[in-house]
C-alpha atoms as a PDB file:
ATOM      1  CA  ASP A   1      -0.013   0.024  -0.051  1.00  0.00           C
ATOM      2  CA  GLU A   2       1.509   3.346  -1.175  1.00  0.00           C
ATOM      3  CA  ASP A   3       1.363   6.545   0.910  1.00  0.00           C
ATOM      4  CA  ALA A   4      -1.404   8.903  -0.003  1.00  0.00           C
ATOM      5  CA  LYS A   5       1.023  11.475  -0.867  1.00  0.00           C
ATOM      6  CA  CYS A   6       1.520   9.755  -4.213  1.00  0.00           C
ATOM      7  CA  VAL A   7      -1.881  10.743  -5.412  1.00  0.00           C
ATOM      8  CA  CYS A   8      -2.870  13.754  -3.569  1.00  0.00           C
ATOM      9  CA  THR A   9      -1.650  17.135  -2.248  1.00  0.00           C
ATOM     10  CA  LYS A  10      -1.548  18.011   1.458  1.00  0.00           C
ATOM     11  CA  LEU A  11      -4.306  20.540   0.906  1.00  0.00           C
ATOM     12  CA  GLU A  12      -6.574  17.879  -0.787  1.00  0.00           C
ATOM     13  CA  LYS A  13      -5.883  15.489   1.997  1.00  0.00           C
ATOM     14  CA  LEU A  14      -6.625  18.084   4.648  1.00  0.00           C
ATOM     15  CA  ALA A  15      -9.892  19.193   2.901  1.00  0.00           C
ATOM     16  CA  LEU A  16     -11.111  15.539   2.521  1.00  0.00           C
ATOM     17  CA  SER A  17     -10.176  14.648   6.101  1.00  0.00           C
ATOM     18  CA  LEU A  18     -12.011  17.647   7.404  1.00  0.00           C
ATOM     19  CA  TRP A  19     -15.127  16.792   5.348  1.00  0.00           C
ATOM     20  CA  LEU A  20     -15.047  13.129   6.376  1.00  0.00           C
ATOM     21  CA  LYS A  21     -14.652  13.923  10.056  1.00  0.00           C
ATOM     22  CA  LYS A  22     -17.591  16.469   9.853  1.00  0.00           C
ATOM     23  CA  ASN A  23     -19.850  13.879   8.103  1.00  0.00           C
ATOM     24  CA  ARG A  24     -20.060  10.945  10.396  1.00  0.00           C
ATOM     25  CA  PHE A  25     -16.561   9.490   9.693  1.00  0.00           C
ATOM     26  CA  LYS A  26     -14.824  10.771  12.887  1.00  0.00           C
ATOM     27  CA  HIS A  27     -12.062   8.154  13.090  1.00  0.00           C
ATOM     28  CA  TRP A  28     -11.146   8.175   9.393  1.00  0.00           C
ATOM     29  CA  ARG A  29      -7.431   8.411   8.613  1.00  0.00           C
ATOM     30  CA  ILE A  30      -6.050   9.001   5.122  1.00  0.00           C
ATOM     31  CA  LYS A  31      -2.793   7.206   5.057  1.00  0.00           C
ATOM     32  CA  THR A  32      -2.749   5.053   1.912  1.00  0.00           C
ATOM     33  CA  VAL A  33      -3.911   5.544  -1.609  1.00  0.00           C
ATOM     34  CA  GLU A  34      -6.748   3.234  -0.925  1.00  0.00           C
ATOM     35  CA  ASP A  35      -7.934   5.335   2.082  1.00  0.00           C
ATOM     36  CA  PHE A  36      -7.800   8.493  -0.169  1.00  0.00           C
ATOM     37  CA  VAL A  37      -9.727   6.707  -3.044  1.00  0.00           C
ATOM     38  CA  ARG A  38     -12.386   5.354  -0.635  1.00  0.00           C
ATOM     39  CA  GLY A  39     -12.769   8.820   0.930  1.00  0.00           C
ATOM     40  CA  VAL A  40     -13.133  10.429  -2.526  1.00  0.00           C
ATOM     41  CA  GLY A  41     -15.706   7.771  -3.417  1.00  0.00           C
ATOM     42  CA  ILE A  42     -17.705   8.531  -0.201  1.00  0.00           C
ATOM     43  CA  LEU A  43     -17.540  12.210  -1.037  1.00  0.00           C
ATOM     44  CA  GLY A  44     -18.904  11.360  -4.512  1.00  0.00           C
ATOM     45  CA  GLY A  45     -21.928   9.464  -3.066  1.00  0.00           C
ATOM     46  CA  ASN A  46     -20.640   5.943  -2.580  1.00  0.00           C
ATOM     47  CA  PRO A  47     -22.150   4.354   0.551  1.00  0.00           C
ATOM     48  CA  ASP A  48     -19.460   3.164   2.901  1.00  0.00           C
ATOM     49  CA  ARG A  49     -20.721  -0.270   3.626  1.00  0.00           C
ATOM     50  CA  ARG A  50     -19.121  -3.672   4.038  1.00  0.00           C
ATOM     51  CA  THR A  51     -21.253  -5.167   1.304  1.00  0.00           C
ATOM     52  CA  GLY A  52     -21.245  -1.940  -0.788  1.00  0.00           C
ATOM     53  CA  GLY A  53     -17.945  -2.726  -2.610  1.00  0.00           C
ATOM     54  CA  ARG A  54     -15.367  -0.166  -3.898  1.00  0.00           C
ATOM     55  CA  PRO A  55     -16.453   3.057  -5.340  1.00  0.00           C
ATOM     56  CA  GLY A  56     -16.945   3.139  -9.112  1.00  0.00           C
ATOM     57  CA  PRO A  57     -15.735   5.638 -11.648  1.00  0.00           C
ATOM     58  CA  LYS A  58     -18.749   7.889 -11.308  1.00  0.00           C
ATOM     59  CA  ASN A  59     -18.395   8.205  -7.627  1.00  0.00           C
ATOM     60  CA  ILE A  60     -14.704   8.851  -7.907  1.00  0.00           C
ATOM     61  CA  TRP A  61     -15.276  11.400 -10.679  1.00  0.00           C
ATOM     62  CA  LEU A  62     -17.884  13.151  -8.574  1.00  0.00           C
ATOM     63  CA  GLY A  63     -15.840  12.968  -5.468  1.00  0.00           C
ATOM     64  CA  LEU A  64     -12.863  14.555  -7.225  1.00  0.00           C
ATOM     65  CA  LYS A  65     -15.135  17.208  -8.569  1.00  0.00           C
ATOM     66  CA  TYR A  66     -16.545  18.002  -5.012  1.00  0.00           C
ATOM     67  CA  LEU A  67     -13.041  17.780  -3.580  1.00  0.00           C
ATOM     68  CA  ASN A  68     -11.900  20.523  -6.030  1.00  0.00           C
ATOM     69  CA  PHE A  69     -14.671  22.662  -4.589  1.00  0.00           C
ATOM     70  CA  LEU A  70     -13.677  21.986  -1.020  1.00  0.00           C
ATOM     71  CA  VAL A  71      -9.981  22.831  -1.695  1.00  0.00           C
ATOM     72  CA  GLN A  72     -11.020  26.057  -3.485  1.00  0.00           C
ATOM     73  CA  GLY A  73     -13.145  27.028  -0.426  1.00  0.00           C
ATOM     74  CA  LEU A  74     -10.415  26.112   1.983  1.00  0.00           C
ATOM     75  CA  LEU A  75      -8.003  28.291  -0.013  1.00  0.00           C
ATOM     76  CA  LEU A  76     -10.423  31.168   0.258  1.00  0.00           C
ATOM     77  CA  VAL A  77     -10.841  30.693   4.064  1.00  0.00           C
ATOM     78  CA  LEU A  78      -7.080  30.706   4.455  1.00  0.00           C
ATOM     79  CA  GLU A  79      -6.815  34.015   2.527  1.00  0.00           C
ATOM     80  CA  ILE A  80      -9.399  35.849   4.559  1.00  0.00           C
ATOM     81  CA  PRO A  81      -7.035  36.805   7.511  1.00  0.00           C
ATOM     82  CA  GLN A  82      -4.545  38.205   4.887  1.00  0.00           C
ATOM     83  CA  VAL A  83      -7.268  40.258   3.193  1.00  0.00           C
ATOM     84  CA  LEU A  84      -8.538  41.560   6.575  1.00  0.00           C
ATOM     85  CA  ARG A  85      -4.960  42.603   7.597  1.00  0.00           C
ATOM     86  CA  LEU A  86      -4.498  44.392   4.348  1.00  0.00           C
ATOM     87  CA  ARG A  87      -7.856  46.192   4.759  1.00  0.00           C
ATOM     88  CA  ASP A  88      -6.731  47.410   8.167  1.00  0.00           C
ATOM     89  CA  VAL A  89      -3.610  48.838   6.637  1.00  0.00           C
ATOM     90  CA  MET A  90      -5.310  50.748   3.933  1.00  0.00           C
END
């Protein structure tokens, strides 16, 4: 099992981890590629059940699409303190 760093950035891993922990997966850890792909599949709508099987291409595609939105939102949130500091200087 390869490390998740092989397929995702730190920001993608952080955004997905935060979303999973907020949405009933409190003990989810993204360590391997399989953990990341399963997490992306869940984000894309794949039910995480023992009998549910692995996420399909549609769930992974949707999950990657939603993960991109999460990362963009996280980047905006991280920029807000900088914008507020600049506004105070002006």
